[in-house]
Amino acid sequence: MPRSFEVSFSSPASVEQVHRAFGDRSYWQARLEAFGGSKTLDSLDVDADGRIRVVVTEDLRHGALPGMLAKVYRGDLNIVTTEVWTPAGDGRVNGEITVAVTGAPGSGSGTAVLERDGTGSKLALNGTIRFKVPLVGGPIESFLAREFSQGIPEIQRFTTTWLGENA
């Protein structure tokens, strides 16, 4: 059964600053470097209307898999994350996130809203993790939902710091 999670994070950075960072190749390169692993920026497209589409692939070799996944899967996994950030025209930016896993029956999706919060911004994300494996799928989904819930605020803290250093 899929696991849902919610996470939100407030930042002193404005909606416009965060959105602009999401469309900056140097931001993504710094972000991928900061969080380690074998991640590549496959594409970054910014439309004239401000819509941003970014695709990142993470190559998880068997030795880098979390314990529970390493026990179930003997091979390597590739995780492709696609983020689309679209200005809503009312000071908000809407996000759609999809996660596809090659090498395992896993996937994820989420919707996000980046909106004003005082003089800064707030990112609120609702996500769902699916891992269709009898007996162990539920625990894997719970584990991954916790990881995302903890990881997303870390990414937003990184974004705030990066903006402070690169504004």
C-alpha atoms as a PDB file:
ATOM      1  CA  MET A   1       0.000   0.000   0.000  1.00  0.00           C
ATOM      2  CA  PRO A   2       1.453   3.405  -0.953  1.00  0.00           C
ATOM      3  CA  ARG A   3       2.742   5.639   1.842  1.00  0.00           C
ATOM      4  CA  SER A   4       1.904   9.314   1.859  1.00  0.00           C
ATOM      5  CA  PHE A   5       3.849  12.018   3.614  1.00  0.00           C
ATOM      6  CA  GLU A   6       3.688  15.761   4.085  1.00  0.00           C
ATOM      7  CA  VAL A   7       6.527  18.133   4.751  1.00  0.00           C
ATOM      8  CA  SER A   8       6.858  21.895   4.885  1.00  0.00           C
ATOM      9  CA  PHE A   9       9.762  24.252   5.320  1.00  0.00           C
ATOM     10  CA  SER A  10       9.936  28.011   5.793  1.00  0.00           C
ATOM     11  CA  SER A  11      12.836  30.053   4.471  1.00  0.00           C
ATOM     12  CA  PRO A  12      13.915  33.685   4.735  1.00  0.00           C
ATOM     13  CA  ALA A  13      14.420  33.590   0.944  1.00  0.00           C
ATOM     14  CA  SER A  14      11.574  34.939  -1.172  1.00  0.00           C
ATOM     15  CA  VAL A  15       9.470  32.840  -3.535  1.00  0.00           C
ATOM     16  CA  GLU A  16      11.132  34.614  -6.445  1.00  0.00           C
ATOM     17  CA  GLN A  17      14.639  33.860  -5.154  1.00  0.00           C
ATOM     18  CA  VAL A  18      13.918  30.160  -4.605  1.00  0.00           C
ATOM     19  CA  HIS A  19      12.210  29.843  -7.985  1.00  0.00           C
ATOM     20  CA  ARG A  20      15.125  31.584  -9.689  1.00  0.00           C
ATOM     21  CA  ALA A  21      17.572  29.180  -7.982  1.00  0.00           C
ATOM     22  CA  PHE A  22      15.591  26.188  -9.261  1.00  0.00           C
ATOM     23  CA  GLY A  23      16.232  27.486 -12.805  1.00  0.00           C
ATOM     24  CA  ASP A  24      19.974  28.036 -12.307  1.00  0.00           C
ATOM     25  CA  ARG A  25      22.338  25.322 -13.544  1.00  0.00           C
ATOM     26  CA  SER A  26      25.045  26.344 -11.028  1.00  0.00           C
ATOM     27  CA  TYR A  27      22.522  25.854  -8.189  1.00  0.00           C
ATOM     28  CA  TRP A  28      21.807  22.300  -9.341  1.00  0.00           C
ATOM     29  CA  GLN A  29      25.488  21.487  -9.772  1.00  0.00           C
ATOM     30  CA  ALA A  30      26.225  22.763  -6.256  1.00  0.00           C
ATOM     31  CA  ARG A  31      23.208  20.922  -4.834  1.00  0.00           C
ATOM     32  CA  LEU A  32      24.183  17.604  -6.410  1.00  0.00           C
ATOM     33  CA  GLU A  33      27.760  18.032  -5.200  1.00  0.00           C
ATOM     34  CA  ALA A  34      26.644  18.956  -1.676  1.00  0.00           C
ATOM     35  CA  PHE A  35      24.494  15.865  -1.239  1.00  0.00           C
ATOM     36  CA  GLY A  36      27.018  13.438  -2.679  1.00  0.00           C
ATOM     37  CA  GLY A  37      26.233  10.164  -4.352  1.00  0.00           C
ATOM     38  CA  SER A  38      26.212   9.441  -8.031  1.00  0.00           C
ATOM     39  CA  LYS A  39      23.697  11.994  -9.270  1.00  0.00           C
ATOM     40  CA  THR A  40      23.710  13.641 -12.663  1.00  0.00           C
ATOM     41  CA  LEU A  41      21.797  16.629 -13.962  1.00  0.00           C
ATOM     42  CA  ASP A  42      20.236  15.203 -17.126  1.00  0.00           C
ATOM     43  CA  SER A  43      18.326  18.283 -18.205  1.00  0.00           C
ATOM     44  CA  LEU A  44      17.314  21.742 -17.064  1.00  0.00           C
ATOM     45  CA  ASP A  45      14.815  23.664 -19.169  1.00  0.00           C
ATOM     46  CA  VAL A  46      13.438  27.103 -18.350  1.00  0.00           C
ATOM     47  CA  ASP A  47      10.546  28.368 -20.486  1.00  0.00           C
ATOM     48  CA  ALA A  48       9.861  32.027 -21.247  1.00  0.00           C
ATOM     49  CA  ASP A  49       6.872  31.897 -18.862  1.00  0.00           C
ATOM     50  CA  GLY A  50       9.120  30.795 -15.979  1.00  0.00           C
ATOM     51  CA  ARG A  51       8.209  27.095 -16.038  1.00  0.00           C
ATOM     52  CA  ILE A  52      11.226  25.048 -14.957  1.00  0.00           C
ATOM     53  CA  ARG A  53      11.693  21.356 -15.724  1.00  0.00           C
ATOM     54  CA  VAL A  54      14.668  19.547 -14.233  1.00  0.00           C
ATOM     55  CA  VAL A  55      15.615  15.871 -14.480  1.00  0.00           C
ATOM     56  CA  VAL A  56      18.178  14.256 -12.166  1.00  0.00           C
ATOM     57  CA  THR A  57      19.321  10.623 -12.243  1.00  0.00           C
ATOM     58  CA  GLU A  58      20.830   8.898  -9.237  1.00  0.00           C
ATOM     59  CA  ASP A  59      22.840   5.748  -9.876  1.00  0.00           C
ATOM     60  CA  LEU A  60      22.590   3.639  -6.737  1.00  0.00           C
ATOM     61  CA  ARG A  61      25.107   0.838  -6.846  1.00  0.00           C
ATOM     62  CA  HIS A  62      24.171  -2.141  -4.719  1.00  0.00           C
ATOM     63  CA  GLY A  63      26.720  -1.196  -2.065  1.00  0.00           C
ATOM     64  CA  ALA A  64      25.111   2.240  -1.658  1.00  0.00           C
ATOM     65  CA  LEU A  65      21.577   0.929  -1.136  1.00  0.00           C
ATOM     66  CA  PRO A  66      19.990   1.353   2.293  1.00  0.00           C
ATOM     67  CA  GLY A  67      20.083  -1.927   4.260  1.00  0.00           C
ATOM     68  CA  MET A  68      16.477  -2.927   3.668  1.00  0.00           C
ATOM     69  CA  LEU A  69      16.721  -2.385  -0.096  1.00  0.00           C
ATOM     70  CA  ALA A  70      20.095  -4.119  -0.339  1.00  0.00           C
ATOM     71  CA  LYS A  71      18.576  -7.254   1.183  1.00  0.00           C
ATOM     72  CA  VAL A  72      15.742  -7.330  -1.353  1.00  0.00           C
ATOM     73  CA  TYR A  73      17.612  -6.191  -4.478  1.00  0.00           C
ATOM     74  CA  ARG A  74      20.953  -7.669  -5.427  1.00  0.00           C
ATOM     75  CA  GLY A  75      21.527  -5.348  -8.384  1.00  0.00           C
ATOM     76  CA  ASP A  76      21.886  -1.641  -8.950  1.00  0.00           C
ATOM     77  CA  LEU A  77      19.033   0.853  -9.072  1.00  0.00           C
ATOM     78  CA  ASN A  78      18.600   4.051 -11.058  1.00  0.00           C
ATOM     79  CA  ILE A  79      16.289   6.709  -9.694  1.00  0.00           C
ATOM     80  CA  VAL A  80      15.085   9.403 -12.093  1.00  0.00           C
ATOM     81  CA  THR A  81      13.520  12.441 -10.446  1.00  0.00           C
ATOM     82  CA  THR A  82      11.666  14.998 -12.537  1.00  0.00           C
ATOM     83  CA  GLU A  83      10.660  18.318 -11.004  1.00  0.00           C
ATOM     84  CA  VAL A  84       8.438  20.836 -12.776  1.00  0.00           C
ATOM     85  CA  TRP A  85       8.004  24.272 -11.173  1.00  0.00           C
ATOM     86  CA  THR A  86       5.331  26.530 -12.673  1.00  0.00           C
ATOM     87  CA  PRO A  87       4.509  30.097 -11.588  1.00  0.00           C
ATOM     88  CA  ALA A  88       0.822  30.280 -10.657  1.00  0.00           C
ATOM     89  CA  GLY A  89       0.575  34.009 -11.357  1.00  0.00           C
ATOM     90  CA  ASP A  90      -0.503  34.874  -7.815  1.00  0.00           C
ATOM     91  CA  GLY A  91       2.908  34.922  -6.159  1.00  0.00           C
ATOM     92  CA  ARG A  92       2.935  31.141  -5.752  1.00  0.00           C
ATOM     93  CA  VAL A  93       4.896  28.519  -7.642  1.00  0.00           C
ATOM     94  CA  ASN A  94       3.396  25.050  -8.049  1.00  0.00           C
ATOM     95  CA  GLY A  95       5.621  22.001  -8.208  1.00  0.00           C
ATOM     96  CA  GLU A  96       5.096  18.510  -9.569  1.00  0.00           C
ATOM     97  CA  ILE A  97       7.632  15.850  -8.689  1.00  0.00           C
ATOM     98  CA  THR A  98       7.812  12.344 -10.135  1.00  0.00           C
ATOM     99  CA  VAL A  99      10.249   9.618  -9.185  1.00  0.00           C
ATOM    100  CA  ALA A 100      10.796   6.539 -11.341  1.00  0.00           C
ATOM    101  CA  VAL A 101      12.979   3.616 -10.291  1.00  0.00           C
ATOM    102  CA  THR A 102      14.726   1.329 -12.771  1.00  0.00           C
ATOM    103  CA  GLY A 103      15.690  -2.032 -11.307  1.00  0.00           C
ATOM    104  CA  ALA A 104      12.880  -2.211  -8.734  1.00  0.00           C
ATOM    105  CA  PRO A 105       9.083  -1.761  -8.716  1.00  0.00           C
ATOM    106  CA  GLY A 106       9.216   1.601  -6.995  1.00  0.00           C
ATOM    107  CA  SER A 107       7.906   5.053  -7.814  1.00  0.00           C
ATOM    108  CA  GLY A 108       6.898   8.269  -6.179  1.00  0.00           C
ATOM    109  CA  SER A 109       5.064  11.473  -6.860  1.00  0.00           C
ATOM    110  CA  GLY A 110       4.329  14.718  -5.158  1.00  0.00           C
ATOM    111  CA  THR A 111       2.781  18.123  -5.460  1.00  0.00           C
ATOM    112  CA  ALA A 112       4.300  21.195  -3.902  1.00  0.00           C
ATOM    113  CA  VAL A 113       3.376  24.808  -3.349  1.00  0.00           C
ATOM    114  CA  LEU A 114       6.008  27.486  -2.843  1.00  0.00           C
ATOM    115  CA  GLU A 115       4.305  30.577  -1.422  1.00  0.00           C
ATOM    116  CA  ARG A 116       4.972  33.754   0.512  1.00  0.00           C
ATOM    117  CA  ASP A 117       5.428  33.415   4.253  1.00  0.00           C
ATOM    118  CA  GLY A 118       5.950  36.819   5.833  1.00  0.00           C
ATOM    119  CA  THR A 119       9.011  38.285   4.149  1.00  0.00           C
ATOM    120  CA  GLY A 120      10.241  34.832   3.115  1.00  0.00           C
ATOM    121  CA  SER A 121       8.689  31.724   1.647  1.00  0.00           C
ATOM    122  CA  LYS A 122       7.237  28.373   2.607  1.00  0.00           C
ATOM    123  CA  LEU A 123       7.429  25.142   0.646  1.00  0.00           C
ATOM    124  CA  ALA A 124       4.700  22.595   1.385  1.00  0.00           C
ATOM    125  CA  LEU A 125       4.905  19.184  -0.272  1.00  0.00           C
ATOM    126  CA  ASN A 126       2.522  16.230  -0.276  1.00  0.00           C
ATOM    127  CA  GLY A 127       4.095  13.053  -1.582  1.00  0.00           C
ATOM    128  CA  THR A 128       3.380   9.388  -2.113  1.00  0.00           C
ATOM    129  CA  ILE A 129       5.852   6.501  -2.253  1.00  0.00           C
ATOM    130  CA  ARG A 130       4.965   3.184  -3.914  1.00  0.00           C
ATOM    131  CA  PHE A 131       7.085   0.064  -3.657  1.00  0.00           C
ATOM    132  CA  LYS A 132       5.228  -3.000  -4.933  1.00  0.00           C
ATOM    133  CA  VAL A 133       6.986  -5.900  -3.244  1.00  0.00           C
ATOM    134  CA  PRO A 134       5.053  -8.530  -1.279  1.00  0.00           C
ATOM    135  CA  LEU A 135       5.756  -8.547   2.470  1.00  0.00           C
ATOM    136  CA  VAL A 136       8.518  -5.923   2.465  1.00  0.00           C
ATOM    137  CA  GLY A 137       6.964  -3.213   0.271  1.00  0.00           C
ATOM    138  CA  GLY A 138       5.217  -1.509   3.199  1.00  0.00           C
ATOM    139  CA  PRO A 139       8.323  -1.237   5.384  1.00  0.00           C
ATOM    140  CA  ILE A 140      10.352   0.009   2.405  1.00  0.00           C
ATOM    141  CA  GLU A 141       7.689   2.639   1.638  1.00  0.00           C
ATOM    142  CA  SER A 142       7.672   3.766   5.276  1.00  0.00           C
ATOM    143  CA  PHE A 143      11.466   3.986   5.324  1.00  0.00           C
ATOM    144  CA  LEU A 144      11.579   6.005   2.089  1.00  0.00           C
ATOM    145  CA  ALA A 145       8.764   8.327   3.230  1.00  0.00           C
ATOM    146  CA  ARG A 146      10.781   9.098   6.392  1.00  0.00           C
ATOM    147  CA  GLU A 147      13.898   9.694   4.293  1.00  0.00           C
ATOM    148  CA  PHE A 148      12.058  12.146   2.028  1.00  0.00           C
ATOM    149  CA  SER A 149      10.453  13.893   4.999  1.00  0.00           C
ATOM    150  CA  GLN A 150      13.911  14.489   6.473  1.00  0.00           C
ATOM    151  CA  GLY A 151      15.716  15.133   3.195  1.00  0.00           C
ATOM    152  CA  ILE A 152      13.437  17.801   1.757  1.00  0.00           C
ATOM    153  CA  PRO A 153      14.060  20.280   4.612  1.00  0.00           C
ATOM    154  CA  GLU A 154      17.804  19.617   4.228  1.00  0.00           C
ATOM    155  CA  ILE A 155      17.550  20.538   0.551  1.00  0.00           C
ATOM    156  CA  GLN A 156      15.640  23.712   1.386  1.00  0.00           C
ATOM    157  CA  ARG A 157      18.249  24.675   4.011  1.00  0.00           C
ATOM    158  CA  PHE A 158      20.898  24.156   1.341  1.00  0.00           C
ATOM    159  CA  THR A 159      18.880  26.355  -1.046  1.00  0.00           C
ATOM    160  CA  THR A 160      18.649  29.132   1.552  1.00  0.00           C
ATOM    161  CA  THR A 161      22.406  28.963   2.186  1.00  0.00           C
ATOM    162  CA  TRP A 162      23.203  28.849  -1.530  1.00  0.00           C
ATOM    163  CA  LEU A 163      21.037  31.903  -2.143  1.00  0.00           C
ATOM    164  CA  GLY A 164      22.815  33.766   0.666  1.00  0.00           C
ATOM    165  CA  GLU A 165      26.159  33.020  -0.953  1.00  0.00           C
ATOM    166  CA  ASN A 166      25.107  33.573  -4.578  1.00  0.00           C
ATOM    167  CA  ALA A 167      22.525  36.373  -4.495  1.00  0.00           C
END
